[in-house]
Amino acid sequence: MEYIGLLFELLLLGLGIYLYLFAIGRMRSKDAVAQKNAEAFRVKNAWWLRIGSLALIAIMLINLILHVMALL
């Protein structure tokens, strides 16, 4: 059961990293229409996406460190 929690923490850390990369404009789509829509959304909400993703990354890193220390 402990390993399932660790897996979810890793998934949420990955989500935070993905959101941060999206917020700074590193994620691209192959579809031109989807890319245009994503760029418009990113420009409108980039500040909040960056803050939220950095908070999620920080929280998940702390959780992962504490979780691994508890397992050892």
PDB file of N, CA and C in Angstrom:
ATOM      1  N   MET A   1       0.817  -1.192   0.000  1.00  0.00           N
ATOM      2  CA  MET A   1       0.000   0.000   0.000  1.00  0.00           C
ATOM      3  C   MET A   1       0.858   1.253   0.000  1.00  0.00           C
ATOM      4  N   GLU A   2       2.007   1.185   0.653  1.00  0.00           N
ATOM      5  CA  GLU A   2       2.917   2.333   0.695  1.00  0.00           C
ATOM      6  C   GLU A   2       3.422   2.696  -0.697  1.00  0.00           C
ATOM      7  N   TYR A   3       3.620   1.674  -1.526  1.00  0.00           N
ATOM      8  CA  TYR A   3       4.161   1.933  -2.853  1.00  0.00           C
ATOM      9  C   TYR A   3       3.141   2.572  -3.784  1.00  0.00           C
ATOM     10  N   ILE A   4       1.875   2.331  -3.541  1.00  0.00           N
ATOM     11  CA  ILE A   4       0.834   2.984  -4.340  1.00  0.00           C
ATOM     12  C   ILE A   4       0.822   4.480  -4.051  1.00  0.00           C
ATOM     13  N   GLY A   5       0.967   4.860  -2.790  1.00  0.00           N
ATOM     14  CA  GLY A   5       1.059   6.275  -2.430  1.00  0.00           C
ATOM     15  C   GLY A   5       2.282   6.930  -3.052  1.00  0.00           C
ATOM     16  N   LEU A   6       3.389   6.210  -3.071  1.00  0.00           N
ATOM     17  CA  LEU A   6       4.608   6.717  -3.691  1.00  0.00           C
ATOM     18  C   LEU A   6       4.407   6.917  -5.191  1.00  0.00           C
ATOM     19  N   LEU A   7       3.694   5.995  -5.816  1.00  0.00           N
ATOM     20  CA  LEU A   7       3.401   6.111  -7.250  1.00  0.00           C
ATOM     21  C   LEU A   7       2.547   7.344  -7.534  1.00  0.00           C
ATOM     22  N   PHE A   8       1.530   7.584  -6.709  1.00  0.00           N
ATOM     23  CA  PHE A   8       0.684   8.763  -6.904  1.00  0.00           C
ATOM     24  C   PHE A   8       1.468  10.057  -6.696  1.00  0.00           C
ATOM     25  N   GLU A   9       2.380  10.045  -5.740  1.00  0.00           N
ATOM     26  CA  GLU A   9       3.212  11.229  -5.527  1.00  0.00           C
ATOM     27  C   GLU A   9       4.104  11.494  -6.739  1.00  0.00           C
ATOM     28  N   LEU A  10       4.642  10.435  -7.330  1.00  0.00           N
ATOM     29  CA  LEU A  10       5.450  10.596  -8.538  1.00  0.00           C
ATOM     30  C   LEU A  10       4.613  11.103  -9.711  1.00  0.00           C
ATOM     31  N   LEU A  11       3.389  10.598  -9.823  1.00  0.00           N
ATOM     32  CA  LEU A  11       2.507  11.064 -10.896  1.00  0.00           C
ATOM     33  C   LEU A  11       2.153  12.537 -10.733  1.00  0.00           C
ATOM     34  N   LEU A  12       1.877  12.966  -9.509  1.00  0.00           N
ATOM     35  CA  LEU A  12       1.567  14.369  -9.273  1.00  0.00           C
ATOM     36  C   LEU A  12       2.792  15.257  -9.476  1.00  0.00           C
ATOM     37  N   LEU A  13       3.974  14.752  -9.156  1.00  0.00           N
ATOM     38  CA  LEU A  13       5.196  15.496  -9.446  1.00  0.00           C
ATOM     39  C   LEU A  13       5.372  15.651 -10.955  1.00  0.00           C
ATOM     40  N   GLY A  14       5.118  14.599 -11.693  1.00  0.00           N
ATOM     41  CA  GLY A  14       5.182  14.676 -13.155  1.00  0.00           C
ATOM     42  C   GLY A  14       4.164  15.652 -13.722  1.00  0.00           C
ATOM     43  N   LEU A  15       2.980  15.678 -13.151  1.00  0.00           N
ATOM     44  CA  LEU A  15       1.962  16.634 -13.579  1.00  0.00           C
ATOM     45  C   LEU A  15       2.414  18.066 -13.318  1.00  0.00           C
ATOM     46  N   GLY A  16       3.020  18.308 -12.172  1.00  0.00           N
ATOM     47  CA  GLY A  16       3.525  19.635 -11.855  1.00  0.00           C
ATOM     48  C   GLY A  16       4.617  20.071 -12.828  1.00  0.00           C
ATOM     49  N   ILE A  17       5.510  19.148 -13.164  1.00  0.00           N
ATOM     50  CA  ILE A  17       6.578  19.459 -14.119  1.00  0.00           C
ATOM     51  C   ILE A  17       5.994  19.736 -15.492  1.00  0.00           C
ATOM     52  N   TYR A  18       5.008  18.936 -15.906  1.00  0.00           N
ATOM     53  CA  TYR A  18       4.357  19.147 -17.201  1.00  0.00           C
ATOM     54  C   TYR A  18       3.665  20.514 -17.240  1.00  0.00           C
ATOM     55  N   LEU A  19       2.950  20.871 -16.178  1.00  0.00           N
ATOM     56  CA  LEU A  19       2.276  22.170 -16.131  1.00  0.00           C
ATOM     57  C   LEU A  19       3.273  23.324 -16.180  1.00  0.00           C
ATOM     58  N   TYR A  20       4.402  23.162 -15.502  1.00  0.00           N
ATOM     59  CA  TYR A  20       5.408  24.219 -15.538  1.00  0.00           C
ATOM     60  C   TYR A  20       5.978  24.377 -16.948  1.00  0.00           C
ATOM     61  N   LEU A  21       6.276  23.256 -17.591  1.00  0.00           N
ATOM     62  CA  LEU A  21       6.794  23.334 -18.964  1.00  0.00           C
ATOM     63  C   LEU A  21       5.759  23.933 -19.912  1.00  0.00           C
ATOM     64  N   PHE A  22       4.495  23.634 -19.698  1.00  0.00           N
ATOM     65  CA  PHE A  22       3.434  24.242 -20.497  1.00  0.00           C
ATOM     66  C   PHE A  22       3.351  25.742 -20.232  1.00  0.00           C
ATOM     67  N   ALA A  23       3.484  26.141 -18.973  1.00  0.00           N
ATOM     68  CA  ALA A  23       3.361  27.548 -18.600  1.00  0.00           C
ATOM     69  C   ALA A  23       4.479  28.397 -19.188  1.00  0.00           C
ATOM     70  N   ILE A  24       5.669  27.830 -19.346  1.00  0.00           N
ATOM     71  CA  ILE A  24       6.768  28.611 -19.912  1.00  0.00           C
ATOM     72  C   ILE A  24       6.854  28.460 -21.430  1.00  0.00           C
ATOM     73  N   GLY A  25       5.982  27.657 -22.020  1.00  0.00           N
ATOM     74  CA  GLY A  25       5.903  27.555 -23.475  1.00  0.00           C
ATOM     75  C   GLY A  25       6.775  26.494 -24.102  1.00  0.00           C
ATOM     76  N   ARG A  26       7.216  25.513 -23.336  1.00  0.00           N
ATOM     77  CA  ARG A  26       8.070  24.454 -23.880  1.00  0.00           C
ATOM     78  C   ARG A  26       7.281  23.305 -24.513  1.00  0.00           C
ATOM     79  N   MET A  27       6.012  23.173 -24.197  1.00  0.00           N
ATOM     80  CA  MET A  27       5.202  22.082 -24.738  1.00  0.00           C
ATOM     81  C   MET A  27       4.524  22.558 -26.011  1.00  0.00           C
ATOM     82  N   ARG A  28       4.681  21.796 -27.058  1.00  0.00           N
ATOM     83  CA  ARG A  28       4.103  22.142 -28.353  1.00  0.00           C
ATOM     84  C   ARG A  28       3.188  21.020 -28.824  1.00  0.00           C
ATOM     85  N   SER A  29       2.190  21.401 -29.613  1.00  0.00           N
ATOM     86  CA  SER A  29       1.275  20.433 -30.200  1.00  0.00           C
ATOM     87  C   SER A  29       1.530  20.356 -31.698  1.00  0.00           C
ATOM     88  N   LYS A  30       1.282  19.202 -32.282  1.00  0.00           N
ATOM     89  CA  LYS A  30       1.465  19.040 -33.723  1.00  0.00           C
ATOM     90  C   LYS A  30       0.291  19.614 -34.504  1.00  0.00           C
ATOM     91  N   ASP A  31      -0.857  19.692 -33.861  1.00  0.00           N
ATOM     92  CA  ASP A  31      -2.056  20.243 -34.494  1.00  0.00           C
ATOM     93  C   ASP A  31      -2.021  21.774 -34.381  1.00  0.00           C
ATOM     94  N   ALA A  32      -2.145  22.465 -35.512  1.00  0.00           N
ATOM     95  CA  ALA A  32      -2.030  23.930 -35.524  1.00  0.00           C
ATOM     96  C   ALA A  32      -3.157  24.604 -34.742  1.00  0.00           C
ATOM     97  N   VAL A  33      -4.365  24.092 -34.858  1.00  0.00           N
ATOM     98  CA  VAL A  33      -5.507  24.691 -34.155  1.00  0.00           C
ATOM     99  C   VAL A  33      -5.353  24.492 -32.642  1.00  0.00           C
ATOM    100  N   ALA A  34      -4.981  23.297 -32.245  1.00  0.00           N
ATOM    101  CA  ALA A  34      -4.784  23.017 -30.820  1.00  0.00           C
ATOM    102  C   ALA A  34      -3.631  23.855 -30.271  1.00  0.00           C
ATOM    103  N   GLN A  35      -2.578  24.037 -31.055  1.00  0.00           N
ATOM    104  CA  GLN A  35      -1.450  24.851 -30.620  1.00  0.00           C
ATOM    105  C   GLN A  35      -1.860  26.307 -30.439  1.00  0.00           C
ATOM    106  N   LYS A  36      -2.685  26.809 -31.351  1.00  0.00           N
ATOM    107  CA  LYS A  36      -3.158  28.194 -31.248  1.00  0.00           C
ATOM    108  C   LYS A  36      -4.018  28.383 -30.000  1.00  0.00           C
ATOM    109  N   ASN A  37      -4.917  27.441 -29.740  1.00  0.00           N
ATOM    110  CA  ASN A  37      -5.769  27.509 -28.551  1.00  0.00           C
ATOM    111  C   ASN A  37      -4.940  27.385 -27.271  1.00  0.00           C
ATOM    112  N   ALA A  38      -3.980  26.484 -27.265  1.00  0.00           N
ATOM    113  CA  ALA A  38      -3.130  26.305 -26.088  1.00  0.00           C
ATOM    114  C   ALA A  38      -2.287  27.549 -25.839  1.00  0.00           C
ATOM    115  N   GLU A  39      -1.799  28.159 -26.898  1.00  0.00           N
ATOM    116  CA  GLU A  39      -0.992  29.371 -26.742  1.00  0.00           C
ATOM    117  C   GLU A  39      -1.821  30.522 -26.189  1.00  0.00           C
ATOM    118  N   ALA A  40      -3.054  30.640 -26.658  1.00  0.00           N
ATOM    119  CA  ALA A  40      -3.936  31.692 -26.139  1.00  0.00           C
ATOM    120  C   ALA A  40      -4.231  31.455 -24.657  1.00  0.00           C
ATOM    121  N   PHE A  41      -4.499  30.219 -24.291  1.00  0.00           N
ATOM    122  CA  PHE A  41      -4.750  29.888 -22.884  1.00  0.00           C
ATOM    123  C   PHE A  41      -3.510  30.151 -22.046  1.00  0.00           C
ATOM    124  N   ARG A  42      -2.344  29.764 -22.565  1.00  0.00           N
ATOM    125  CA  ARG A  42      -1.099  29.941 -21.826  1.00  0.00           C
ATOM    126  C   ARG A  42      -0.789  31.413 -21.602  1.00  0.00           C
ATOM    127  N   VAL A  43      -0.967  32.237 -22.619  1.00  0.00           N
ATOM    128  CA  VAL A  43      -0.691  33.665 -22.480  1.00  0.00           C
ATOM    129  C   VAL A  43      -1.629  34.294 -21.452  1.00  0.00           C
ATOM    130  N   LYS A  44      -2.881  33.868 -21.460  1.00  0.00           N
ATOM    131  CA  LYS A  44      -3.866  34.430 -20.541  1.00  0.00           C
ATOM    132  C   LYS A  44      -3.620  34.001 -19.094  1.00  0.00           C
ATOM    133  N   ASN A  45      -3.145  32.776 -18.881  1.00  0.00           N
ATOM    134  CA  ASN A  45      -3.044  32.206 -17.531  1.00  0.00           C
ATOM    135  C   ASN A  45      -1.637  31.785 -17.131  1.00  0.00           C
ATOM    136  N   ALA A  46      -0.617  32.299 -17.789  1.00  0.00           N
ATOM    137  CA  ALA A  46       0.751  31.825 -17.540  1.00  0.00           C
ATOM    138  C   ALA A  46       1.210  32.083 -16.108  1.00  0.00           C
ATOM    139  N   TRP A  47       0.889  33.231 -15.548  1.00  0.00           N
ATOM    140  CA  TRP A  47       1.346  33.566 -14.201  1.00  0.00           C
ATOM    141  C   TRP A  47       0.807  32.571 -13.173  1.00  0.00           C
ATOM    142  N   TRP A  48      -0.494  32.301 -13.224  1.00  0.00           N
ATOM    143  CA  TRP A  48      -1.098  31.386 -12.249  1.00  0.00           C
ATOM    144  C   TRP A  48      -0.660  29.952 -12.486  1.00  0.00           C
ATOM    145  N   LEU A  49      -0.454  29.576 -13.741  1.00  0.00           N
ATOM    146  CA  LEU A  49       0.040  28.233 -14.022  1.00  0.00           C
ATOM    147  C   LEU A  49       1.442  28.041 -13.456  1.00  0.00           C
ATOM    148  N   ARG A  50       2.294  29.034 -13.593  1.00  0.00           N
ATOM    149  CA  ARG A  50       3.653  28.930 -13.053  1.00  0.00           C
ATOM    150  C   ARG A  50       3.634  28.812 -11.538  1.00  0.00           C
ATOM    151  N   ILE A  51       2.887  29.668 -10.881  1.00  0.00           N
ATOM    152  CA  ILE A  51       2.829  29.644  -9.414  1.00  0.00           C
ATOM    153  C   ILE A  51       2.256  28.313  -8.921  1.00  0.00           C
ATOM    154  N   GLY A  52       1.157  27.890  -9.518  1.00  0.00           N
ATOM    155  CA  GLY A  52       0.524  26.629  -9.110  1.00  0.00           C
ATOM    156  C   GLY A  52       1.410  25.423  -9.371  1.00  0.00           C
ATOM    157  N   SER A  53       2.069  25.395 -10.512  1.00  0.00           N
ATOM    158  CA  SER A  53       2.914  24.247 -10.829  1.00  0.00           C
ATOM    159  C   SER A  53       4.156  24.216  -9.945  1.00  0.00           C
ATOM    160  N   LEU A  54       4.734  25.371  -9.660  1.00  0.00           N
ATOM    161  CA  LEU A  54       5.889  25.394  -8.761  1.00  0.00           C
ATOM    162  C   LEU A  54       5.503  24.976  -7.347  1.00  0.00           C
ATOM    163  N   ALA A  55       4.330  25.380  -6.898  1.00  0.00           N
ATOM    164  CA  ALA A  55       3.851  24.953  -5.577  1.00  0.00           C
ATOM    165  C   ALA A  55       3.628  23.440  -5.551  1.00  0.00           C
ATOM    166  N   LEU A  56       3.020  22.914  -6.608  1.00  0.00           N
ATOM    167  CA  LEU A  56       2.779  21.472  -6.689  1.00  0.00           C
ATOM    168  C   LEU A  56       4.095  20.703  -6.713  1.00  0.00           C
ATOM    169  N   ILE A  57       5.067  21.191  -7.468  1.00  0.00           N
ATOM    170  CA  ILE A  57       6.372  20.535  -7.530  1.00  0.00           C
ATOM    171  C   ILE A  57       7.036  20.551  -6.159  1.00  0.00           C
ATOM    172  N   ALA A  58       7.006  21.687  -5.479  1.00  0.00           N
ATOM    173  CA  ALA A  58       7.645  21.785  -4.164  1.00  0.00           C
ATOM    174  C   ALA A  58       6.986  20.854  -3.154  1.00  0.00           C
ATOM    175  N   ILE A  59       5.676  20.843  -3.128  1.00  0.00           N
ATOM    176  CA  ILE A  59       4.954  19.990  -2.181  1.00  0.00           C
ATOM    177  C   ILE A  59       5.216  18.516  -2.463  1.00  0.00           C
ATOM    178  N   MET A  60       5.201  18.127  -3.726  1.00  0.00           N
ATOM    179  CA  MET A  60       5.424  16.729  -4.064  1.00  0.00           C
ATOM    180  C   MET A  60       6.863  16.299  -3.793  1.00  0.00           C
ATOM    181  N   LEU A  61       7.826  17.191  -3.998  1.00  0.00           N
ATOM    182  CA  LEU A  61       9.206  16.834  -3.667  1.00  0.00           C
ATOM    183  C   LEU A  61       9.371  16.608  -2.167  1.00  0.00           C
ATOM    184  N   ILE A  62       8.773  17.463  -1.369  1.00  0.00           N
ATOM    185  CA  ILE A  62       8.839  17.279   0.085  1.00  0.00           C
ATOM    186  C   ILE A  62       8.147  15.977   0.482  1.00  0.00           C
ATOM    187  N   ASN A  63       6.985  15.715  -0.091  1.00  0.00           N
ATOM    188  CA  ASN A  63       6.276  14.465   0.211  1.00  0.00           C
ATOM    189  C   ASN A  63       7.093  13.251  -0.185  1.00  0.00           C
ATOM    190  N   LEU A  64       7.733  13.303  -1.354  1.00  0.00           N
ATOM    191  CA  LEU A  64       8.544  12.168  -1.801  1.00  0.00           C
ATOM    192  C   LEU A  64       9.720  11.928  -0.863  1.00  0.00           C
ATOM    193  N   ILE A  65      10.386  13.001  -0.462  1.00  0.00           N
ATOM    194  CA  ILE A  65      11.535  12.842   0.438  1.00  0.00           C
ATOM    195  C   ILE A  65      11.076  12.232   1.768  1.00  0.00           C
ATOM    196  N   LEU A  66       9.999  12.754   2.326  1.00  0.00           N
ATOM    197  CA  LEU A  66       9.498  12.221   3.591  1.00  0.00           C
ATOM    198  C   LEU A  66       9.012  10.780   3.449  1.00  0.00           C
ATOM    199  N   HIS A  67       8.390  10.469   2.318  1.00  0.00           N
ATOM    200  CA  HIS A  67       7.881   9.126   2.089  1.00  0.00           C
ATOM    201  C   HIS A  67       9.042   8.126   1.978  1.00  0.00           C
ATOM    202  N   VAL A  68      10.060   8.478   1.233  1.00  0.00           N
ATOM    203  CA  VAL A  68      11.209   7.577   1.082  1.00  0.00           C
ATOM    204  C   VAL A  68      11.940   7.416   2.411  1.00  0.00           C
ATOM    205  N   MET A  69      12.056   8.500   3.173  1.00  0.00           N
ATOM    206  CA  MET A  69      12.691   8.387   4.498  1.00  0.00           C
ATOM    207  C   MET A  69      11.874   7.475   5.417  1.00  0.00           C
ATOM    208  N   ALA A  70      10.559   7.508   5.321  1.00  0.00           N
ATOM    209  CA  ALA A  70       9.725   6.639   6.145  1.00  0.00           C
ATOM    210  C   ALA A  70       9.857   5.183   5.717  1.00  0.00           C
ATOM    211  N   LEU A  71      10.055   4.951   4.418  1.00  0.00           N
ATOM    212  CA  LEU A  71      10.209   3.578   3.952  1.00  0.00           C
ATOM    213  C   LEU A  71      11.558   2.985   4.365  1.00  0.00           C
ATOM    214  N   LEU A  72      12.567   3.831   4.484  1.00  0.00           N
ATOM    215  CA  LEU A  72      13.874   3.332   4.881  1.00  0.00           C
ATOM    216  C   LEU A  72      13.962   3.301   6.385  1.00  0.00           C
TER     217      LEU A  72
END
